[in-house]
Amino acid sequence: MSETIVMGPAEVRRALTRIAHEIVERNGGCEGLLFVGMRTRGAPLAQRLAREIAAFEGAQVPIGALDISLYRDDIHHLRAQPVVQSTDIPVDVADRPVVLVDDVLYTGRSARAALDAIMDLGRPRSIQLAVLVDRGHRELPIRADYVGRNIPTARPQAVQVRLLEVDGRDEVALITPGEEQP
């Protein structure tokens, strides 16, 4: 197995700064916005985006965290029971623009599960999707509104986002499986 770092701390920071500006521009400001980070790494990314916006807009965007474990379409095929974490949405989602935040967009199945979970909480005005990395290979018709970086991959490869809050460092790694040693 080989690992290539495709984004370091500076690239992660720049991507999040750009996404924050794009969100404010697209929404005509940040009034009414709600960031909802998908657990595990989407939650700290949502917090970072909100801090960026606070720095240049002087306004606080509420931040929630969403656990999609029970909304996954493969829950019945998992060998182990999913570890369910809390969902914490500090304000009503009804009639507000909600920005779902995740680390990697791949097949689209996690995003679909998050859409279902959000809709169970109310009817937002809109739902937008922000991801740090889009690696392609969609299985569902899902597209991110905001992308930090497109990283084309082969299916056997993996993209691993590592964040300071969870992993002790900021980077994005492309992992390529190698031949097994005899």
Protein backbone atom coordinates (compact mmCIF):
# COMPACT_ATOMS: atom_id res chain seq x y z
CA MET A 1 0.00 0.00 0.00
CA SER A 2 1.31 3.46 -0.84
CA GLU A 3 0.18 6.81 0.46
CA THR A 4 0.56 10.17 -1.24
CA ILE A 5 -0.26 13.41 0.57
CA VAL A 6 -2.29 15.44 -1.93
CA MET A 7 -3.25 18.30 0.38
CA GLY A 8 -1.23 19.61 3.30
CA PRO A 9 -2.31 22.02 6.04
CA ALA A 10 -1.99 25.13 3.85
CA GLU A 11 -4.05 23.60 1.01
CA VAL A 12 -6.77 22.48 3.45
CA ARG A 13 -6.90 25.98 4.98
CA ARG A 14 -7.07 27.69 1.58
CA ALA A 15 -9.79 25.33 0.34
CA LEU A 16 -11.95 26.00 3.40
CA THR A 17 -11.43 29.77 3.11
CA ARG A 18 -12.53 29.64 -0.54
CA ILE A 19 -15.58 27.49 0.27
CA ALA A 20 -16.61 29.90 3.06
CA HIS A 21 -16.47 32.85 0.65
CA GLU A 22 -18.41 30.91 -2.02
CA ILE A 23 -21.15 30.02 0.49
CA VAL A 24 -21.59 33.66 1.54
CA GLU A 25 -21.56 34.85 -2.07
CA ARG A 26 -24.09 32.28 -3.26
CA ASN A 27 -26.45 32.95 -0.36
CA GLY A 28 -26.18 36.75 -0.49
CA GLY A 29 -24.69 36.84 2.99
CA CYS A 30 -25.01 34.47 5.90
CA GLU A 31 -28.37 35.43 7.37
CA GLY A 32 -30.42 32.36 8.23
CA LEU A 33 -27.68 29.90 7.25
CA LEU A 34 -27.20 26.70 9.21
CA PHE A 35 -24.14 24.49 8.87
CA VAL A 36 -24.67 20.80 9.57
CA GLY A 37 -21.51 18.71 9.70
CA MET A 38 -21.80 15.00 9.03
CA ARG A 39 -20.04 13.01 11.73
CA THR A 40 -17.16 12.38 12.06
CA ARG A 41 -15.00 14.78 10.06
CA GLY A 42 -17.76 16.93 8.58
CA ALA A 43 -18.55 18.37 12.02
CA PRO A 44 -15.13 20.00 12.60
CA LEU A 45 -15.10 21.16 8.96
CA ALA A 46 -18.46 22.89 9.56
CA GLN A 47 -17.00 24.58 12.65
CA ARG A 48 -14.02 25.80 10.65
CA LEU A 49 -16.25 27.18 7.89
CA ALA A 50 -18.33 29.03 10.48
CA ARG A 51 -15.16 30.51 12.04
CA GLU A 52 -13.99 31.66 8.60
CA ILE A 53 -17.30 33.38 7.94
CA ALA A 54 -17.29 34.99 11.39
CA ALA A 55 -13.82 36.37 10.65
CA PHE A 56 -14.79 38.16 7.42
CA GLU A 57 -18.54 38.74 7.89
CA GLY A 58 -18.64 39.35 11.65
CA ALA A 59 -21.67 37.06 11.98
CA GLN A 60 -22.10 33.73 13.70
CA VAL A 61 -23.56 30.87 11.67
CA PRO A 62 -25.18 28.17 13.85
CA ILE A 63 -23.47 24.78 13.58
CA GLY A 64 -25.00 21.36 14.04
CA ALA A 65 -23.65 17.83 13.89
CA LEU A 66 -25.52 14.99 12.19
CA ASP A 67 -25.16 11.26 12.66
CA ILE A 68 -26.40 9.35 9.61
CA SER A 69 -25.70 5.83 10.90
CA LEU A 70 -29.34 4.75 11.04
CA TYR A 71 -30.12 6.32 7.64
CA ARG A 72 -27.50 4.37 5.70
CA ASP A 73 -28.87 2.10 2.98
CA ASP A 74 -26.33 -0.60 3.87
CA ILE A 75 -27.14 -0.78 7.59
CA HIS A 76 -28.65 -4.27 7.21
CA HIS A 77 -25.50 -5.54 5.49
CA LEU A 78 -23.03 -4.35 8.10
CA ARG A 79 -21.49 -7.11 10.17
CA ALA A 80 -21.08 -5.02 13.29
CA GLN A 81 -23.72 -2.83 14.85
CA PRO A 82 -23.19 0.80 13.85
CA VAL A 83 -21.88 3.09 16.55
CA VAL A 84 -24.59 5.72 16.80
CA GLN A 85 -23.39 9.18 17.77
CA SER A 86 -25.52 12.13 18.73
CA THR A 87 -27.25 14.45 16.34
CA ASP A 88 -27.18 18.00 17.64
CA ILE A 89 -28.91 20.69 15.59
CA PRO A 90 -29.12 23.91 17.68
CA VAL A 91 -31.89 25.62 15.67
CA ASP A 92 -34.96 24.61 13.70
CA VAL A 93 -34.07 23.64 10.11
CA ALA A 94 -37.46 24.79 8.79
CA ASP A 95 -37.32 27.45 6.09
CA ARG A 96 -33.55 28.03 6.32
CA PRO A 97 -30.75 27.32 3.91
CA VAL A 98 -28.87 24.33 5.32
CA VAL A 99 -25.31 23.61 4.24
CA LEU A 100 -24.39 19.95 4.77
CA VAL A 101 -20.66 19.58 5.28
CA ASP A 102 -18.65 16.39 4.76
CA ASP A 103 -15.03 15.50 4.19
CA VAL A 104 -15.22 13.29 1.06
CA LEU A 105 -17.90 12.88 -1.58
CA TYR A 106 -17.62 9.46 -3.20
CA THR A 107 -20.67 7.37 -4.17
CA GLY A 108 -23.21 9.87 -2.86
CA ARG A 109 -24.79 7.41 -0.44
CA SER A 110 -23.73 9.27 2.71
CA ALA A 111 -25.08 12.52 1.27
CA ARG A 112 -28.39 10.80 0.45
CA ALA A 113 -28.60 9.49 4.02
CA ALA A 114 -27.90 12.99 5.34
CA LEU A 115 -30.67 14.43 3.15
CA ASP A 116 -33.12 11.93 4.63
CA ALA A 117 -31.99 12.74 8.17
CA ILE A 118 -32.33 16.50 7.63
CA MET A 119 -35.79 16.12 6.09
CA ASP A 120 -36.89 14.17 9.17
CA LEU A 121 -36.02 17.27 11.22
CA GLY A 122 -38.08 19.71 9.15
CA ARG A 123 -38.36 21.33 5.74
CA PRO A 124 -35.40 23.58 4.99
CA ARG A 125 -35.63 26.32 2.35
CA SER A 126 -32.72 24.63 0.59
CA ILE A 127 -30.00 22.09 1.23
CA GLN A 128 -26.54 22.67 -0.18
CA LEU A 129 -23.57 20.31 0.02
CA ALA A 130 -20.01 21.37 0.83
CA VAL A 131 -17.16 18.85 0.73
CA LEU A 132 -13.44 19.17 1.17
CA VAL A 133 -12.75 16.48 -1.46
CA ASP A 134 -14.77 15.11 -4.38
CA ARG A 135 -13.19 11.87 -5.59
CA GLY A 136 -15.79 10.90 -8.19
CA HIS A 137 -17.42 7.47 -8.77
CA ARG A 138 -20.99 8.55 -7.98
CA GLU A 139 -23.65 5.85 -7.68
CA LEU A 140 -26.45 8.36 -7.07
CA PRO A 141 -27.27 11.65 -8.79
CA ILE A 142 -25.63 13.80 -6.10
CA ARG A 143 -23.38 16.78 -6.80
CA ALA A 144 -21.62 19.04 -4.31
CA ASP A 145 -22.33 22.77 -4.46
CA TYR A 146 -18.93 23.60 -2.94
CA VAL A 147 -15.78 21.53 -3.43
CA GLY A 148 -12.39 22.18 -1.90
CA ARG A 149 -10.60 19.96 -4.38
CA ASN A 150 -11.48 17.38 -7.01
CA ILE A 151 -9.17 14.39 -6.71
CA PRO A 152 -9.74 11.85 -9.50
CA THR A 153 -9.28 8.33 -8.18
CA ALA A 154 -9.46 4.73 -9.25
CA ARG A 155 -12.08 2.69 -7.41
CA PRO A 156 -9.53 0.61 -5.43
CA GLN A 157 -7.91 3.79 -4.11
CA ALA A 158 -9.06 5.56 -0.97
CA VAL A 159 -9.00 9.19 0.07
CA GLN A 160 -8.38 9.78 3.74
CA VAL A 161 -8.95 13.22 5.23
CA ARG A 162 -7.09 13.81 8.46
CA LEU A 163 -8.06 16.78 10.60
CA LEU A 164 -6.31 18.34 13.53
CA GLU A 165 -9.42 18.00 15.73
CA VAL A 166 -9.74 14.24 15.10
CA ASP A 167 -6.36 12.98 13.87
CA GLY A 168 -3.84 15.49 15.17
CA ARG A 169 -2.89 16.87 11.75
CA ASP A 170 -4.43 18.47 8.66
CA GLU A 171 -3.87 16.60 5.41
CA VAL A 172 -5.54 14.62 2.68
CA ALA A 173 -3.94 11.36 1.62
CA LEU A 174 -4.51 9.27 -1.49
CA ILE A 175 -4.04 5.62 -0.57
CA THR A 176 -3.29 3.10 -3.29
CA PRO A 177 -3.43 -0.58 -2.42
CA GLY A 178 -0.35 -2.53 -3.37
CA GLU A 179 0.43 -6.15 -3.91
CA GLU A 180 0.53 -8.28 -0.81
CA GLN A 181 3.94 -9.41 0.24
CA PRO A 182 4.41 -13.25 0.27
